[in-house]
Amino acid sequence: MKTLFDCVNLGKLRLKNRLIRSATWEALADESGHMKEELFETYERLAAGGVGAIITGFTSVSGDDHYFGGMARLSDDELIAEHRRLTDTLHKHGCPVIAQLALGEYNGAHRNMTPDSMSAADIAAVKDRFVSAAGRAVQAGYDGVQIHAAHGFFLSRFISPAFNHRNDEYGGSAENRARLIVEILRGIAADFPSLHLTMKINGSDFIYGGLTPDDCAAVCRLCEANGLESVEISGNGTSVPGIRPGVNEAYFREFAAPIAGQLSIPVILVGGHRSPDCMERVLNETGIEFLSLSRPLVREPDLPRRWKSGDRSPSRCVSCNACYSTPGHRCVFLR
């Protein structure tokens, strides 16, 4: 029987439990990607709170990506030292840390290019930015990188038939639409084999003509065959409000569970986890191996430690989403 607090392997990484802090936009970096002091404090609270591993908020691979404000970056060597400070701090708490590598917008010949408008050189440039950022992650001491292919970010659009209408080897079938991600994974695995390679992907785009669950499964199988070591299943329409313990938790389970049955790598499920009993049912009724959380850890950074100590009452997060309107995405009940 699987429990939340099993010591388990996530690919190359040894975790003290099955709880992972899912990447969360903190908006605590300047326009150049330099991290503010509050961001270091946020991550240290999470590591001290007992989570098994931390995936950082999206970290752009490009210096001219302005998709969201306040994004940290790994687009320049001058940023490596502060990321090294971050990983050193979290490692002192015995917490592995994975950098989520993301691209919101690609600016080539013009601003925010679409998958359809990109040349072969543009596609190669995107691959190079991800691989180069992974190299900086190694230098900074990260234990892994997560390729962000969800939530409408650039790679999410590239694999989605709602946005990718190409008629060359990068368009059409799910295999072709996934080709860029596969090339990124191969490049990172070849050059930086020490990194754990994971990916975040939509189980469904929930839009007309978008990525379907079958597409998602096909992309995941291709990526597994090309170096991917775990996958986090999410979906468009994240941070669903009104989650109630024991009522409507784990809202992406129906997408993740079938995929877990098709893969040999660990599947991580994000979305609406609030109570240990429901979370352990997911673990024991499906092939899902890990559970990732965001809002509950905004409310209670020490939630894993509380649960492990024996207080298994549900997360105090009420899913109001008010944290998204605060500086640094703080819980309004803790102000």
Protein backbone atom coordinates (compact mmCIF):
# COMPACT_ATOMS: atom_id res chain seq x y z
CA MET A 1 0.00 0.00 0.00
CA LYS A 2 1.35 3.40 -1.01
CA THR A 3 1.35 6.27 1.47
CA LEU A 4 2.17 9.95 1.16
CA PHE A 5 5.28 9.58 3.24
CA ASP A 6 7.01 6.69 1.52
CA CYS A 7 10.65 7.36 0.70
CA VAL A 8 10.68 6.88 -3.06
CA ASN A 9 12.71 7.50 -6.19
CA LEU A 10 11.66 10.05 -8.76
CA GLY A 11 13.94 8.91 -11.54
CA LYS A 12 17.45 9.81 -10.42
CA LEU A 13 16.18 11.63 -7.32
CA ARG A 14 15.50 10.23 -3.86
CA LEU A 15 12.51 11.91 -2.21
CA LYS A 16 11.48 11.69 1.43
CA ASN A 17 7.79 11.64 0.45
CA ARG A 18 5.45 11.68 -2.55
CA LEU A 19 4.56 15.38 -2.20
CA ILE A 20 5.98 17.81 -4.75
CA ARG A 21 5.57 21.54 -4.78
CA SER A 22 4.21 22.29 -8.25
CA ALA A 23 5.63 25.25 -10.14
CA THR A 24 3.86 28.43 -9.06
CA TRP A 25 4.13 31.89 -10.55
CA GLU A 26 5.46 34.13 -7.78
CA ALA A 27 6.19 37.30 -9.83
CA LEU A 28 9.21 38.00 -7.64
CA ALA A 29 11.91 38.76 -10.20
CA ASP A 30 12.84 41.93 -12.04
CA GLU A 31 12.66 42.39 -15.81
CA SER A 32 16.13 40.89 -16.26
CA GLY A 33 15.16 37.80 -14.29
CA HIS A 34 17.08 38.59 -11.11
CA MET A 35 15.29 37.09 -8.11
CA LYS A 36 14.16 39.29 -5.25
CA GLU A 37 15.03 38.47 -1.64
CA GLU A 38 11.43 37.51 -0.91
CA LEU A 39 11.65 34.69 -3.44
CA PHE A 40 14.57 33.07 -1.62
CA GLU A 41 12.58 33.33 1.62
CA THR A 42 9.51 31.77 0.00
CA TYR A 43 11.47 28.75 -1.22
CA GLU A 44 13.26 28.24 2.07
CA ARG A 45 9.92 28.15 3.93
CA LEU A 46 8.72 25.49 1.49
CA ALA A 47 11.85 23.37 1.90
CA ALA A 48 11.73 23.65 5.68
CA GLY A 49 8.05 22.67 5.57
CA GLY A 50 8.88 19.12 4.55
CA VAL A 51 7.88 18.83 0.91
CA GLY A 52 9.60 16.02 -0.98
CA ALA A 53 10.82 18.16 -3.86
CA ILE A 54 10.29 21.66 -5.23
CA ILE A 55 9.67 22.66 -8.83
CA THR A 56 10.43 26.34 -9.20
CA GLY A 57 8.01 28.85 -10.66
CA PHE A 58 8.39 29.16 -14.39
CA THR A 59 11.89 30.23 -15.29
CA SER A 60 12.22 31.67 -18.76
CA VAL A 61 14.88 30.41 -21.14
CA SER A 62 14.84 33.71 -23.03
CA GLY A 63 15.90 37.24 -22.10
CA ASP A 64 13.24 38.86 -24.29
CA ASP A 65 10.29 36.78 -23.09
CA HIS A 66 7.73 39.07 -21.44
CA TYR A 67 4.76 36.72 -21.42
CA PHE A 68 4.28 37.36 -17.70
CA GLY A 69 5.82 39.95 -15.42
CA GLY A 70 8.19 38.97 -12.66
CA MET A 71 9.57 35.82 -14.29
CA ALA A 72 12.88 34.45 -13.08
CA ARG A 73 15.22 33.53 -15.93
CA LEU A 74 18.08 31.19 -16.81
CA SER A 75 18.81 32.96 -20.07
CA ASP A 76 22.19 34.43 -19.18
CA ASP A 77 25.28 33.22 -17.37
CA GLU A 78 25.16 36.20 -15.01
CA LEU A 79 22.04 34.66 -13.41
CA ILE A 80 23.73 31.39 -12.45
CA ALA A 81 25.15 32.59 -9.12
CA GLU A 82 21.80 33.56 -7.62
CA HIS A 83 20.28 30.27 -8.74
CA ARG A 84 23.20 28.52 -7.06
CA ARG A 85 22.34 30.39 -3.87
CA LEU A 86 18.78 29.09 -4.18
CA THR A 87 19.72 25.45 -4.72
CA ASP A 88 22.31 25.53 -1.93
CA THR A 89 19.68 26.84 0.46
CA LEU A 90 17.13 24.17 -0.41
CA HIS A 91 19.68 21.36 -0.38
CA LYS A 92 20.53 22.26 3.22
CA HIS A 93 16.99 21.14 4.04
CA GLY A 94 17.43 17.88 2.13
CA CYS A 95 15.05 19.02 -0.58
CA PRO A 96 15.77 18.31 -4.27
CA VAL A 97 14.92 21.22 -6.56
CA ILE A 98 13.87 21.18 -10.21
CA ALA A 99 13.92 24.29 -12.40
CA GLN A 100 10.83 24.67 -14.55
CA LEU A 101 12.15 25.85 -17.92
CA ALA A 102 9.55 27.84 -19.80
CA LEU A 103 9.05 30.03 -22.81
CA GLY A 104 5.98 32.22 -22.89
CA GLU A 105 6.60 34.00 -26.14
CA TYR A 106 9.16 33.52 -28.87
CA ASN A 107 10.40 36.74 -30.43
CA GLY A 108 12.19 36.06 -33.69
CA ALA A 109 11.44 38.03 -36.84
CA HIS A 110 8.56 39.67 -34.96
CA ARG A 111 7.04 39.74 -31.48
CA ASN A 112 5.35 36.62 -30.11
CA MET A 113 5.63 34.44 -33.19
CA THR A 114 3.15 31.63 -33.72
CA PRO A 115 4.14 28.03 -34.42
CA ASP A 116 2.91 28.49 -37.99
CA SER A 117 5.08 31.53 -38.71
CA MET A 118 8.38 30.05 -37.52
CA SER A 119 11.18 29.04 -39.85
CA ALA A 120 13.43 26.02 -39.33
CA ALA A 121 16.01 28.41 -37.91
CA ASP A 122 13.46 29.75 -35.42
CA ILE A 123 12.62 26.23 -34.26
CA ALA A 124 16.31 25.43 -33.83
CA ALA A 125 16.73 28.65 -31.84
CA VAL A 126 13.98 27.63 -29.41
CA LYS A 127 15.62 24.23 -28.91
CA ASP A 128 18.99 25.88 -28.29
CA ARG A 129 17.50 28.22 -25.68
CA PHE A 130 16.08 25.33 -23.69
CA VAL A 131 19.26 23.26 -23.90
CA SER A 132 21.43 26.23 -22.97
CA ALA A 133 19.19 27.03 -19.99
CA ALA A 134 19.48 23.41 -18.86
CA GLY A 135 23.26 23.78 -18.94
CA ARG A 136 22.99 26.81 -16.66
CA ALA A 137 20.70 24.79 -14.38
CA VAL A 138 23.47 22.21 -14.02
CA GLN A 139 25.98 24.91 -13.14
CA ALA A 140 23.52 26.33 -10.63
CA GLY A 141 23.15 22.98 -8.86
CA TYR A 142 19.61 22.03 -9.85
CA ASP A 143 18.71 18.37 -9.58
CA GLY A 144 16.49 18.43 -12.63
CA VAL A 145 14.57 20.54 -15.10
CA GLN A 146 10.91 20.50 -16.04
CA ILE A 147 9.95 21.37 -19.60
CA HIS A 148 6.83 23.54 -19.40
CA ALA A 149 4.49 22.32 -22.14
CA ALA A 150 1.21 23.24 -20.44
CA HIS A 151 -1.08 26.19 -19.69
CA GLY A 152 -0.81 27.93 -23.04
CA PHE A 153 2.93 28.56 -22.86
CA PHE A 154 4.86 28.39 -26.12
CA LEU A 155 5.52 24.64 -26.16
CA SER A 156 1.92 24.02 -25.11
CA ARG A 157 0.80 25.97 -28.16
CA PHE A 158 3.29 24.19 -30.39
CA ILE A 159 1.91 20.74 -29.57
CA SER A 160 -1.72 21.86 -29.75
CA PRO A 161 -3.61 21.44 -33.05
CA ALA A 162 -5.57 24.57 -32.15
CA PHE A 163 -2.40 26.64 -32.66
CA ASN A 164 -0.07 24.49 -34.78
CA HIS A 165 -1.30 24.22 -38.38
CA ARG A 166 2.06 23.46 -39.97
CA ASN A 167 2.23 21.02 -42.87
CA ASP A 168 5.88 20.02 -42.47
CA GLU A 169 7.60 17.60 -40.10
CA TYR A 170 6.65 19.84 -37.14
CA GLY A 171 2.90 19.81 -37.80
CA GLY A 172 -0.04 17.54 -38.38
CA SER A 173 0.20 14.36 -36.30
CA ALA A 174 0.82 14.33 -32.56
CA GLU A 175 4.25 12.85 -33.31
CA ASN A 176 5.15 15.77 -35.55
CA ARG A 177 3.76 18.41 -33.19
CA ALA A 178 5.83 16.86 -30.39
CA ARG A 179 9.01 16.84 -32.48
CA LEU A 180 10.37 20.08 -31.01
CA ILE A 181 9.93 18.84 -27.44
CA VAL A 182 11.55 15.54 -28.36
CA GLU A 183 14.54 17.40 -29.82
CA ILE A 184 14.80 19.50 -26.65
CA LEU A 185 14.74 16.38 -24.47
CA ARG A 186 17.35 14.63 -26.61
CA GLY A 187 19.61 17.67 -26.49
CA ILE A 188 19.40 18.00 -22.71
CA ALA A 189 19.78 14.26 -22.07
CA ALA A 190 22.84 14.08 -24.33
CA ASP A 191 24.60 17.14 -22.94
CA PHE A 192 23.53 17.04 -19.28
CA PRO A 193 22.79 13.45 -18.26
CA SER A 194 22.92 14.24 -14.54
CA LEU A 195 19.62 16.17 -14.68
CA HIS A 196 16.28 14.57 -13.93
CA LEU A 197 14.11 15.33 -16.96
CA THR A 198 10.43 15.95 -16.38
CA MET A 199 7.65 17.74 -18.24
CA LYS A 200 4.36 19.45 -17.45
CA ILE A 201 1.61 18.93 -20.02
CA ASN A 202 -2.12 19.48 -20.37
CA GLY A 203 -4.20 16.34 -20.17
CA SER A 204 -6.58 18.39 -22.31
CA ASP A 205 -6.59 21.97 -23.60
CA PHE A 206 -10.33 22.22 -22.94
CA ILE A 207 -10.74 24.32 -26.08
CA TYR A 208 -12.23 23.53 -29.47
CA GLY A 209 -9.64 21.85 -31.67
CA GLY A 210 -7.06 21.74 -28.89
CA LEU A 211 -4.89 19.00 -27.43
CA THR A 212 -6.96 15.94 -26.56
CA PRO A 213 -6.31 13.27 -23.92
CA ASP A 214 -5.27 10.89 -26.71
CA ASP A 215 -2.83 13.51 -28.04
CA CYS A 216 -1.44 14.00 -24.54
CA ALA A 217 -0.88 10.27 -24.11
CA ALA A 218 0.83 10.04 -27.50
CA VAL A 219 3.15 12.95 -26.69
CA CYS A 220 4.01 11.44 -23.31
CA ARG A 221 4.87 8.07 -24.88
CA LEU A 222 7.13 9.75 -27.44
CA CYS A 223 8.85 11.79 -24.76
CA GLU A 224 9.36 8.74 -22.55
CA ALA A 225 11.14 7.05 -25.46
CA ASN A 226 13.43 10.07 -25.80
CA GLY A 227 14.72 10.70 -22.31
CA LEU A 228 11.76 11.91 -20.26
CA GLU A 229 11.92 10.47 -16.73
CA SER A 230 8.62 11.68 -15.25
CA VAL A 231 5.60 13.73 -16.31
CA GLU A 232 3.23 16.04 -14.45
CA ILE A 233 -0.32 16.00 -15.84
CA SER A 234 -2.24 19.26 -15.62
CA GLY A 235 -4.68 21.04 -17.92
CA ASN A 236 -5.85 24.44 -19.07
CA GLY A 237 -8.16 25.98 -16.51
CA THR A 238 -5.83 25.52 -13.57
CA SER A 239 -6.53 26.70 -10.01
CA VAL A 240 -10.18 25.67 -10.07
CA PRO A 241 -12.04 27.54 -7.30
CA GLY A 242 -14.36 25.97 -4.77
CA ILE A 243 -12.39 22.80 -4.03
CA ARG A 244 -13.83 21.00 -1.01
CA PRO A 245 -12.01 18.17 0.80
CA GLY A 246 -13.50 14.81 -0.01
CA VAL A 247 -15.91 16.29 -2.56
CA ASN A 248 -14.16 17.50 -5.71
CA GLU A 249 -10.45 16.96 -5.20
CA ALA A 250 -7.93 15.76 -7.81
CA TYR A 251 -9.77 17.29 -10.76
CA PHE A 252 -7.24 16.11 -13.38
CA ARG A 253 -7.26 12.49 -12.16
CA GLU A 254 -9.39 11.25 -15.07
CA PHE A 255 -6.71 12.45 -17.51
CA ALA A 256 -3.65 11.34 -15.56
CA ALA A 257 -4.76 7.85 -14.50
CA PRO A 258 -5.07 6.38 -18.03
CA ILE A 259 -1.72 7.89 -19.00
CA ALA A 260 -0.07 6.36 -15.93
CA GLY A 261 -1.24 2.99 -17.20
CA GLN A 262 0.57 3.53 -20.51
CA LEU A 263 3.94 4.71 -19.18
CA SER A 264 6.74 3.14 -17.20
CA ILE A 265 7.97 6.51 -15.89
CA PRO A 266 6.35 8.10 -12.81
CA VAL A 267 3.26 10.24 -13.33
CA ILE A 268 2.73 13.27 -11.10
CA LEU A 269 -0.83 14.53 -10.61
CA VAL A 270 -1.53 18.18 -9.86
CA GLY A 271 -4.84 19.88 -9.18
CA GLY A 272 -7.13 20.22 -6.17
CA HIS A 273 -5.41 18.05 -3.56
CA ARG A 274 -6.63 18.94 -0.08
CA SER A 275 -6.81 15.87 2.17
CA PRO A 276 -4.37 12.99 2.84
CA ASP A 277 -7.10 10.36 2.66
CA CYS A 278 -8.19 11.38 -0.85
CA MET A 279 -4.59 11.72 -1.98
CA GLU A 280 -3.72 8.22 -0.80
CA ARG A 281 -6.77 6.84 -2.57
CA VAL A 282 -5.41 8.32 -5.80
CA LEU A 283 -2.07 6.65 -5.16
CA ASN A 284 -3.59 3.25 -4.46
CA GLU A 285 -6.41 3.21 -7.01
CA THR A 286 -4.28 4.34 -9.98
CA GLY A 287 -0.74 4.08 -11.27
CA ILE A 288 -0.04 7.68 -10.24
CA GLU A 289 3.07 7.83 -8.05
CA PHE A 290 3.37 11.47 -6.94
CA LEU A 291 1.07 14.35 -6.07
CA SER A 292 1.95 17.99 -6.62
CA LEU A 293 0.48 20.97 -4.82
CA SER A 294 0.46 24.73 -5.21
CA ARG A 295 -2.25 26.68 -3.39
CA PRO A 296 -2.26 24.51 -0.23
CA LEU A 297 1.46 25.29 0.17
CA VAL A 298 0.80 28.99 -0.36
CA ARG A 299 -1.54 28.83 2.63
CA GLU A 300 0.59 26.38 4.65
CA PRO A 301 4.22 26.00 3.58
CA ASP A 302 4.66 23.49 6.42
CA LEU A 303 1.64 21.37 5.41
CA PRO A 304 3.72 18.20 4.72
CA ARG A 305 5.33 18.44 8.13
CA ARG A 306 1.91 18.89 9.78
CA TRP A 307 0.49 15.84 8.02
CA LYS A 308 3.53 13.74 8.85
CA SER A 309 3.31 14.71 12.52
CA GLY A 310 -0.13 13.10 12.71
CA ASP A 311 -2.46 16.05 12.13
CA ARG A 312 -4.09 14.78 8.93
CA SER A 313 -6.85 17.37 8.80
CA PRO A 314 -7.29 18.82 5.31
CA SER A 315 -5.39 21.78 3.95
CA ARG A 316 -6.67 25.10 5.23
CA CYS A 317 -6.71 26.46 1.67
CA VAL A 318 -10.27 27.46 0.72
CA SER A 319 -9.48 27.74 -3.02
CA CYS A 320 -10.53 31.38 -3.19
CA ASN A 321 -7.66 32.26 -5.58
CA ALA A 322 -7.25 35.63 -3.86
CA CYS A 323 -3.52 34.86 -3.56
CA TYR A 324 -3.14 35.62 -7.26
CA SER A 325 -4.04 39.26 -6.69
CA THR A 326 -1.44 39.84 -3.96
CA PRO A 327 2.23 40.81 -4.30
CA GLY A 328 4.28 37.63 -4.34
CA HIS A 329 1.09 35.56 -4.38
CA ARG A 330 0.66 35.40 -0.63
CA CYS A 331 -2.35 33.88 1.08
CA VAL A 332 -4.71 36.71 2.12
CA PHE A 333 -5.49 34.90 5.37
CA LEU A 334 -1.86 35.18 6.49
CA ARG A 335 -1.42 38.91 5.97
